[in-house]
N, C-alpha and C. Protein backbone atom coordinates (compact mmCIF):
# COMPACT_ATOMS: atom_id res chain seq x y z
N MET A 1 -15.49 -41.26 -48.50
CA MET A 1 -14.36 -40.22 -49.49
C MET A 1 -15.31 -39.47 -50.68
N VAL A 2 -14.64 -38.57 -51.10
CA VAL A 2 -15.04 -37.59 -52.00
C VAL A 2 -13.77 -37.58 -52.94
N VAL A 3 -14.06 -37.76 -54.23
CA VAL A 3 -12.85 -37.65 -55.03
C VAL A 3 -13.66 -36.46 -55.88
N SER A 4 -13.04 -35.62 -56.08
CA SER A 4 -13.13 -33.87 -56.86
C SER A 4 -12.08 -34.49 -58.53
N TYR A 5 -12.82 -34.36 -59.62
CA TYR A 5 -11.98 -34.10 -60.78
C TYR A 5 -11.59 -33.04 -61.69
N SER A 6 -12.38 -32.06 -60.56
CA SER A 6 -12.12 -30.53 -60.89
C SER A 6 -10.81 -29.39 -60.14
N TYR A 7 -9.98 -30.09 -60.44
CA TYR A 7 -9.04 -30.10 -59.65
C TYR A 7 -8.64 -28.43 -59.57
N PRO A 8 -8.68 -27.78 -58.83
CA PRO A 8 -8.55 -27.72 -57.22
C PRO A 8 -9.77 -27.46 -56.77
N PHE A 9 -10.82 -27.61 -57.34
CA PHE A 9 -11.98 -27.58 -56.74
C PHE A 9 -12.93 -28.47 -56.24
N LEU A 10 -13.70 -28.29 -55.47
CA LEU A 10 -14.47 -29.35 -54.56
C LEU A 10 -16.13 -28.43 -54.53
N ASP A 11 -17.03 -29.69 -54.71
CA ASP A 11 -18.45 -29.06 -54.48
C ASP A 11 -19.13 -28.92 -53.50
N LEU A 12 -19.47 -28.03 -53.02
CA LEU A 12 -20.04 -27.90 -51.84
C LEU A 12 -21.54 -27.80 -51.91
N ARG A 13 -22.30 -27.71 -50.79
CA ARG A 13 -23.78 -26.90 -50.57
C ARG A 13 -23.83 -26.34 -49.61
N ILE A 14 -24.06 -25.14 -49.65
CA ILE A 14 -24.12 -23.87 -48.93
C ILE A 14 -25.75 -23.57 -48.54
N THR A 15 -25.98 -23.16 -47.16
CA THR A 15 -27.32 -22.38 -46.78
C THR A 15 -26.80 -21.37 -46.17
N ILE A 16 -27.32 -20.38 -46.33
CA ILE A 16 -27.44 -19.10 -45.59
C ILE A 16 -28.79 -18.53 -45.55
N ASN A 17 -29.32 -18.17 -44.24
CA ASN A 17 -30.50 -17.81 -44.07
C ASN A 17 -31.64 -18.65 -45.37
N SER A 18 -32.02 -18.12 -45.94
CA SER A 18 -33.13 -19.31 -47.16
C SER A 18 -32.52 -19.13 -48.26
N PHE A 19 -31.23 -18.90 -48.77
CA PHE A 19 -30.33 -19.00 -49.56
C PHE A 19 -29.48 -20.40 -49.81
N ARG A 20 -29.94 -21.53 -50.38
CA ARG A 20 -29.37 -23.03 -50.95
C ARG A 20 -29.06 -22.52 -52.10
N SER A 21 -27.59 -23.10 -52.12
CA SER A 21 -26.94 -23.64 -53.82
C SER A 21 -25.81 -24.89 -53.44
N ASN A 22 -25.55 -25.00 -54.88
CA ASN A 22 -24.50 -26.18 -54.45
C ASN A 22 -23.51 -25.24 -55.61
N ILE A 23 -22.22 -25.30 -55.15
CA ILE A 23 -21.35 -24.54 -55.87
C ILE A 23 -19.83 -25.37 -55.84
N PRO A 24 -19.14 -24.89 -56.92
CA PRO A 24 -17.90 -25.41 -56.81
C PRO A 24 -16.80 -24.49 -56.16
N ALA A 25 -16.27 -24.52 -55.26
CA ALA A 25 -15.42 -23.60 -54.53
C ALA A 25 -13.68 -23.90 -54.81
N TYR A 26 -13.20 -23.17 -55.13
CA TYR A 26 -11.58 -22.79 -55.05
C TYR A 26 -10.92 -23.56 -53.72
N ILE A 27 -10.20 -24.92 -53.45
CA ILE A 27 -9.46 -24.82 -52.12
C ILE A 27 -8.02 -23.61 -52.23
N ASP A 28 -7.98 -23.12 -51.08
CA ASP A 28 -7.02 -22.13 -51.13
C ASP A 28 -6.28 -22.24 -49.78
N THR A 29 -5.35 -23.48 -49.67
CA THR A 29 -4.76 -23.65 -48.48
C THR A 29 -3.88 -22.28 -47.93
N GLY A 30 -4.13 -21.24 -48.22
CA GLY A 30 -3.22 -20.39 -47.58
C GLY A 30 -4.18 -19.06 -47.38
N PHE A 31 -5.58 -19.51 -47.23
CA PHE A 31 -6.73 -18.88 -46.49
C PHE A 31 -7.16 -19.78 -45.49
N ASP A 32 -6.74 -19.00 -44.23
CA ASP A 32 -7.17 -20.02 -42.75
C ASP A 32 -8.99 -19.69 -42.32
N GLY A 33 -9.72 -19.13 -42.97
CA GLY A 33 -11.12 -19.15 -42.64
C GLY A 33 -11.71 -20.06 -43.38
N TYR A 34 -13.51 -19.74 -43.33
CA TYR A 34 -13.81 -20.84 -43.59
C TYR A 34 -14.34 -20.68 -45.21
N LEU A 35 -14.95 -19.98 -45.39
CA LEU A 35 -15.68 -19.95 -47.06
C LEU A 35 -15.87 -18.09 -47.63
N ILE A 36 -15.44 -18.35 -48.42
CA ILE A 36 -15.61 -16.74 -49.16
C ILE A 36 -16.37 -17.09 -50.37
N VAL A 37 -17.56 -16.20 -50.45
CA VAL A 37 -18.42 -15.96 -51.69
C VAL A 37 -18.50 -14.59 -52.07
N PRO A 38 -18.92 -14.92 -53.36
CA PRO A 38 -18.67 -13.81 -54.56
C PRO A 38 -19.76 -12.33 -53.62
N GLU A 39 -18.94 -11.24 -53.82
CA GLU A 39 -19.56 -10.33 -53.37
C GLU A 39 -21.31 -9.50 -54.11
N TYR A 40 -21.58 -10.32 -55.12
CA TYR A 40 -22.72 -10.30 -55.61
C TYR A 40 -23.81 -10.73 -55.02
N LEU A 41 -23.59 -11.77 -54.50
CA LEU A 41 -24.42 -12.65 -53.59
C LEU A 41 -25.19 -11.89 -52.58
N VAL A 42 -24.71 -10.65 -51.80
CA VAL A 42 -25.25 -9.89 -50.88
C VAL A 42 -26.64 -9.54 -51.16
N ILE A 43 -26.93 -9.57 -52.66
CA ILE A 43 -28.34 -9.01 -52.91
C ILE A 43 -29.46 -10.09 -52.34
N GLU A 44 -28.94 -10.90 -52.85
CA GLU A 44 -29.65 -12.88 -52.17
C GLU A 44 -29.79 -13.12 -50.93
N LEU A 45 -28.76 -12.74 -50.48
CA LEU A 45 -28.41 -13.10 -49.01
C LEU A 45 -29.16 -12.04 -47.99
N GLY A 46 -29.27 -10.67 -48.40
CA GLY A 46 -29.84 -10.15 -47.41
C GLY A 46 -28.83 -9.48 -46.38
N GLU A 47 -29.21 -8.92 -44.80
CA GLU A 47 -28.39 -8.46 -44.21
C GLU A 47 -27.44 -9.27 -43.74
N PRO A 48 -26.00 -8.96 -43.35
CA PRO A 48 -25.30 -9.72 -42.99
C PRO A 48 -25.63 -10.17 -41.30
N ASP A 49 -24.83 -10.93 -41.17
CA ASP A 49 -24.78 -11.25 -39.33
C ASP A 49 -23.66 -10.32 -38.52
N TYR A 50 -22.64 -10.02 -39.62
CA TYR A 50 -21.68 -9.41 -38.97
C TYR A 50 -20.74 -8.63 -40.09
N VAL A 51 -20.29 -7.62 -39.99
CA VAL A 51 -19.05 -6.50 -40.87
C VAL A 51 -17.65 -6.83 -40.50
N SER A 52 -17.32 -7.55 -41.52
CA SER A 52 -15.29 -7.16 -40.98
C SER A 52 -14.49 -6.71 -41.82
N GLU A 53 -13.41 -6.56 -41.31
CA GLU A 53 -12.24 -5.99 -42.20
C GLU A 53 -11.44 -7.00 -42.76
N TRP A 54 -10.72 -6.38 -44.15
CA TRP A 54 -9.66 -7.51 -44.79
C TRP A 54 -9.02 -6.74 -45.25
N GLU A 55 -7.98 -6.94 -45.06
CA GLU A 55 -6.40 -6.34 -45.55
C GLU A 55 -6.02 -7.45 -47.16
N LEU A 56 -6.37 -6.36 -48.37
CA LEU A 56 -5.57 -7.03 -49.25
C LEU A 56 -4.35 -7.32 -49.51
N GLY A 57 -4.13 -7.82 -50.97
CA GLY A 57 -2.48 -8.29 -50.81
C GLY A 57 -2.42 -6.66 -51.32
N ASP A 58 -2.50 -5.87 -51.50
CA ASP A 58 -1.73 -4.03 -51.97
C ASP A 58 -1.80 -3.59 -50.36
N GLY A 59 -2.32 -4.32 -49.42
CA GLY A 59 -2.19 -3.74 -48.00
C GLY A 59 -3.38 -2.52 -48.12
N SER A 60 -4.38 -2.40 -48.77
CA SER A 60 -5.67 -1.65 -48.50
C SER A 60 -6.56 -2.48 -47.86
N ILE A 61 -7.12 -1.60 -46.60
CA ILE A 61 -8.32 -2.67 -45.82
C ILE A 61 -9.63 -1.83 -46.74
N VAL A 62 -10.65 -3.15 -46.49
CA VAL A 62 -11.69 -3.32 -47.18
C VAL A 62 -12.66 -4.14 -46.22
N GLU A 63 -14.13 -3.54 -45.82
CA GLU A 63 -15.44 -4.23 -45.66
C GLU A 63 -15.73 -4.85 -46.05
N ALA A 64 -16.27 -6.50 -45.40
CA ALA A 64 -17.11 -7.37 -46.13
C ALA A 64 -17.68 -7.91 -45.45
N GLN A 65 -18.58 -8.28 -46.00
CA GLN A 65 -20.39 -8.88 -45.15
C GLN A 65 -19.91 -10.03 -44.76
N ASP A 66 -20.40 -10.45 -43.58
CA ASP A 66 -20.23 -11.85 -42.97
C ASP A 66 -21.78 -12.71 -42.71
N TYR A 67 -22.05 -13.81 -42.73
CA TYR A 67 -23.07 -14.35 -42.64
C TYR A 67 -22.71 -15.86 -41.88
N LEU A 68 -23.57 -15.85 -41.12
CA LEU A 68 -23.54 -17.33 -40.43
C LEU A 68 -24.27 -18.47 -41.26
N GLY A 69 -23.72 -19.50 -41.55
CA GLY A 69 -24.31 -20.50 -42.40
C GLY A 69 -24.25 -21.97 -42.12
N THR A 70 -24.44 -22.97 -43.11
CA THR A 70 -23.96 -23.91 -43.10
C THR A 70 -23.15 -24.55 -44.58
N LEU A 71 -22.42 -25.54 -44.47
CA LEU A 71 -21.72 -25.76 -45.50
C LEU A 71 -21.61 -27.48 -45.40
N GLU A 72 -21.73 -28.08 -46.71
CA GLU A 72 -21.59 -29.93 -46.61
C GLU A 72 -20.77 -29.91 -47.86
N ILE A 73 -19.80 -30.47 -47.98
CA ILE A 73 -18.67 -30.95 -48.97
C ILE A 73 -19.93 -32.11 -49.57
N VAL A 74 -20.38 -32.08 -51.01
CA VAL A 74 -21.33 -32.99 -51.57
C VAL A 74 -20.46 -34.55 -51.66
N GLY A 75 -21.33 -35.26 -50.90
CA GLY A 75 -20.41 -36.72 -50.87
C GLY A 75 -20.37 -36.62 -49.54
N LEU A 76 -20.06 -35.85 -48.33
CA LEU A 76 -19.64 -36.27 -47.16
C LEU A 76 -20.91 -36.71 -45.91
N GLU A 77 -21.86 -35.88 -46.75
CA GLU A 77 -22.88 -35.67 -45.64
C GLU A 77 -22.83 -35.26 -44.30
N GLU A 78 -21.95 -33.86 -44.01
CA GLU A 78 -21.85 -33.58 -42.40
C GLU A 78 -21.82 -32.13 -42.85
N ASN A 79 -23.07 -31.40 -42.29
CA ASN A 79 -23.24 -30.04 -41.98
C ASN A 79 -22.44 -29.69 -41.33
N ILE A 80 -21.73 -28.44 -41.47
CA ILE A 80 -20.84 -27.83 -40.64
C ILE A 80 -21.06 -26.43 -40.51
N GLU A 81 -21.36 -25.94 -39.52
CA GLU A 81 -21.58 -24.17 -39.41
C GLU A 81 -20.50 -23.45 -39.70
N VAL A 82 -20.73 -22.53 -40.40
CA VAL A 82 -19.50 -21.76 -40.94
C VAL A 82 -19.87 -20.02 -40.64
N ARG A 83 -18.66 -19.62 -40.76
CA ARG A 83 -18.82 -18.01 -41.01
C ARG A 83 -18.56 -18.15 -42.63
N ILE A 84 -19.29 -17.19 -43.47
CA ILE A 84 -19.17 -17.30 -44.98
C ILE A 84 -18.94 -15.29 -45.05
N THR A 85 -18.10 -15.15 -45.33
CA THR A 85 -17.57 -13.70 -46.02
C THR A 85 -18.13 -13.90 -47.31
N ALA A 86 -19.04 -12.48 -47.78
CA ALA A 86 -18.64 -12.01 -49.06
C ALA A 86 -17.74 -10.99 -49.65
N ILE A 87 -17.03 -11.30 -50.34
CA ILE A 87 -15.91 -10.72 -50.89
C ILE A 87 -15.25 -11.00 -52.29
N GLY A 88 -15.03 -10.08 -53.12
CA GLY A 88 -14.60 -10.51 -54.16
C GLY A 88 -15.48 -11.23 -55.24
N THR A 89 -14.83 -12.00 -56.20
CA THR A 89 -15.89 -12.72 -56.94
C THR A 89 -15.72 -14.34 -57.08
N GLU A 90 -15.08 -15.10 -56.57
CA GLU A 90 -14.93 -15.80 -56.52
C GLU A 90 -15.62 -16.88 -55.14
N PHE A 91 -15.77 -18.06 -55.26
CA PHE A 91 -15.91 -19.23 -54.05
C PHE A 91 -14.87 -19.74 -53.93
N ILE A 92 -13.85 -19.43 -52.35
CA ILE A 92 -13.11 -20.14 -51.97
C ILE A 92 -13.30 -20.63 -50.28
N LEU A 93 -12.76 -21.95 -50.66
CA LEU A 93 -12.94 -22.88 -49.45
C LEU A 93 -11.52 -22.59 -48.67
N GLY A 94 -11.25 -22.44 -47.31
CA GLY A 94 -10.32 -22.13 -46.49
C GLY A 94 -9.96 -23.32 -45.79
N ARG A 95 -8.87 -23.18 -45.19
CA ARG A 95 -8.32 -24.36 -43.74
C ARG A 95 -9.18 -24.60 -42.90
N SER A 96 -9.96 -23.43 -42.35
CA SER A 96 -10.99 -24.09 -41.32
C SER A 96 -11.77 -25.15 -41.72
N ILE A 97 -11.89 -25.55 -42.86
CA ILE A 97 -12.68 -26.61 -43.23
C ILE A 97 -11.79 -27.53 -43.61
N ILE A 98 -10.94 -27.41 -44.24
CA ILE A 98 -10.13 -28.57 -45.43
C ILE A 98 -9.34 -28.92 -44.35
N ASP A 99 -9.05 -28.31 -42.90
CA ASP A 99 -8.22 -28.96 -41.51
C ASP A 99 -9.13 -29.88 -40.95
N ARG A 100 -10.28 -29.92 -41.32
CA ARG A 100 -10.92 -31.02 -40.60
C ARG A 100 -10.86 -32.62 -41.26
N TYR A 101 -10.50 -32.44 -42.61
CA TYR A 101 -10.34 -33.59 -43.26
C TYR A 101 -9.02 -34.08 -43.43
N CYS A 102 -8.80 -35.33 -44.09
CA CYS A 102 -7.36 -35.91 -44.77
C CYS A 102 -7.67 -35.30 -46.27
N VAL A 103 -6.84 -34.63 -46.98
CA VAL A 103 -6.73 -33.83 -48.46
C VAL A 103 -5.49 -34.38 -48.93
N LEU A 104 -6.05 -34.97 -49.94
CA LEU A 104 -5.04 -35.55 -51.45
C LEU A 104 -5.02 -34.40 -52.52
N PHE A 105 -4.26 -33.58 -52.76
CA PHE A 105 -3.98 -32.89 -54.06
C PHE A 105 -3.12 -34.18 -55.20
N ASP A 106 -3.89 -34.63 -55.68
CA ASP A 106 -3.29 -36.14 -56.17
C ASP A 106 -2.65 -35.69 -57.52
N HIS A 107 -1.28 -35.24 -57.61
CA HIS A 107 -0.56 -34.61 -59.07
C HIS A 107 -1.60 -33.87 -60.08
N GLY A 108 -2.30 -33.01 -59.55
CA GLY A 108 -2.82 -31.59 -60.37
C GLY A 108 -3.84 -31.92 -60.82
N GLU A 109 -4.32 -33.61 -60.84
CA GLU A 109 -5.26 -34.37 -61.47
C GLU A 109 -6.69 -34.70 -60.70
N ARG A 110 -6.70 -34.27 -59.34
CA ARG A 110 -8.09 -34.36 -58.16
C ARG A 110 -7.64 -34.22 -57.11
N VAL A 111 -8.73 -33.77 -56.41
CA VAL A 111 -8.77 -33.73 -55.10
C VAL A 111 -9.30 -34.84 -54.44
N ILE A 112 -9.05 -35.71 -53.19
CA ILE A 112 -9.44 -36.74 -52.29
C ILE A 112 -9.83 -36.00 -51.36
N ILE A 113 -10.93 -36.13 -50.44
CA ILE A 113 -11.29 -36.03 -48.83
C ILE A 113 -11.55 -36.80 -48.59
N GLU A 114 -10.97 -37.35 -47.23
CA GLU A 114 -11.54 -38.71 -46.43
C GLU A 114 -11.37 -37.64 -44.81
N ARG A 115 -12.38 -38.63 -44.24
CA ARG A 115 -12.79 -38.15 -42.97
C ARG A 115 -11.35 -38.28 -41.98
């Protein structure tokens, strides 16, 4: 079990090629993908594995760079192969990851994750 008191963020360890980092990611139950990372990271990440199109809230379409990597929720010691998209300015964790676990949003105070 992992408890995060940085509600609604969760500490992750990500690996993309030779890039490794521990990051706090916002848990977004409305995002059905894996993980979004800030676009400024593409300088460190290098060439993407894929390029994808995303529709933004205003209806516009933008291209984003996608990378294959691994993600671990710090404290669970489980590496998950994921598709990571570089777009925007935030780290956002989506349903393709959190649906694997029992996730409890505890009164706006903490997030509890269990296998």
